[in-house]
Amino acid sequence: MSLERLDPEMVEFDVRTDEMLINMGPQHPSTHGVLRLLLRTDGEVVTDVTPHIGYLHRCAEKIGENVTARQWIPYTDRMDYLAAMNMNLGWSLVVEKLLGREVTERTRHVRVLVSELNRIANHLVAVAAYGLDLGNFTPYAWTFREREKILDLFEEVCGARLTCSYIVPGGITGDFPAGWLDRCETFLQEFEPIIDQFHSLLTNSAIFIRRTGGIGVLSPEMAIDYGCTGPVLRGSGVKWDVRRDGDPWYTRMYEDYEFEVIAEIDGKYPQDQEYPPVPEAVVLGDSWHRYYVRMLEVVQSMRLIRQAMEFYRQTDPQWSDPIKVTEKLPKGQVYLETEAPKGQMGFMVIGDGTAKPWRARARSSSFCNLSVVAELCRGGLIADVPAVVGSLDLVLGEIDR
């Protein structure tokens, strides 16, 4: 007898699911690098996630103890290879603090300009890859088109597009070429209206909101407990940015600048009056908010770049002399964190009176942000794992080192 002819009240269905282990990665486009996630699932529901790292381990910190402080700069490029300028800055500042050496005003403004330009390039990749993870290819093509313009500007300045080695302990490797500031301003003018197009493709997209709203909700308390920083922390409504709240040796770099720390406070973002409002379907701390924080930080970086260009034109062309390759480090220990695009990137250096650091150590922002992935994915669906991982904007170069 067919089931259609049976009385529904007399038929009982016993649907059982088996627990299963699924490997996501290490060669998976949604893991943003050689990251392996071991998913424990009950049917389509994720019950646990265990990250496995180490596929990109290169002994960077041990190498830092066998080369001089100046020679380690190229290795910092390869930590967060999407934000090389910011990595160079972090190591340069901690070495300068150990040496007690400050840079000139002109050098300071150049560092702000290129660091914020690299922040835009990083966030463009984050948005591009995130849209692609969720099935939207158009933002990927558009954001990489704009990022190429930034890399062209970097190439003019230092000859490199990705691993720059431009900011070095004691200064920078060279001044801007003639007409470079004008070309940078042209890029900003062309890029500004395109941001609205990104909002129409993703921020206001009903499909994108359904895929990210209420997915991977990270409470402020959990974000702090796990040591999350950067857009991941600010996406949970914690208004903390070490460019404003960090070590004075770093914050003085931004002391003349005006910018907003992007975080939702009382249901509002600083840019609500100009950009799309927060949809009702999203929850503070979810994947959508982490994406939106990066979009608004791009606007603040453009604001900082314009200020840096103006300060650059007003200051005397006095340059700091980078340290020599063989310059000795005094005895002592210094730790300093900077606001890299993915979060707080910390460097520690211990000098023993020789040119080579006795200890070189890096604190990865992506490593701490990755540690919370199990909490965010637990209880969700397998299809939501890429949405959560993509919202964290991880890079394995600085996780493994």
Foldseek 3Di string as FASTA:
>chain_A
DDPVPDDPVVDDDDDAFDWDWDWAACPHLLLQHRKIWIFTDGVQATAFIDIDFQPQFDCLFVVLQVFFLQVSLLLQCLQPLLQSLVSQVQSQLQLCVLVVDDWDLLQLLVSLQLNLLSLLSLLLCLLQSLCVLLPHNVSVVVSVVLSVLSLVLLCQFAVGRGNRSQRGRFGGDDDHDPPSVVSVVVSLVVVVVCLQVSCVRAVPDPSNCVLWAPALAAALVNCVVLVAFALLNQLNQDQDACCCVNDPSNVVSCPPDDFGRFHQDPLDTPCVVPDPGHDPRHDRRILSSSSVNSSVSSVRSSRSNVVSVVSSVVDDPDTTDHDDRFDAGDADKGKGWHQHSLGTKMWIFGGDGGSRTNGIDIDDNLQSLVVCLGVRRRRHGPSSSSSNSSSSSHHSSNVND
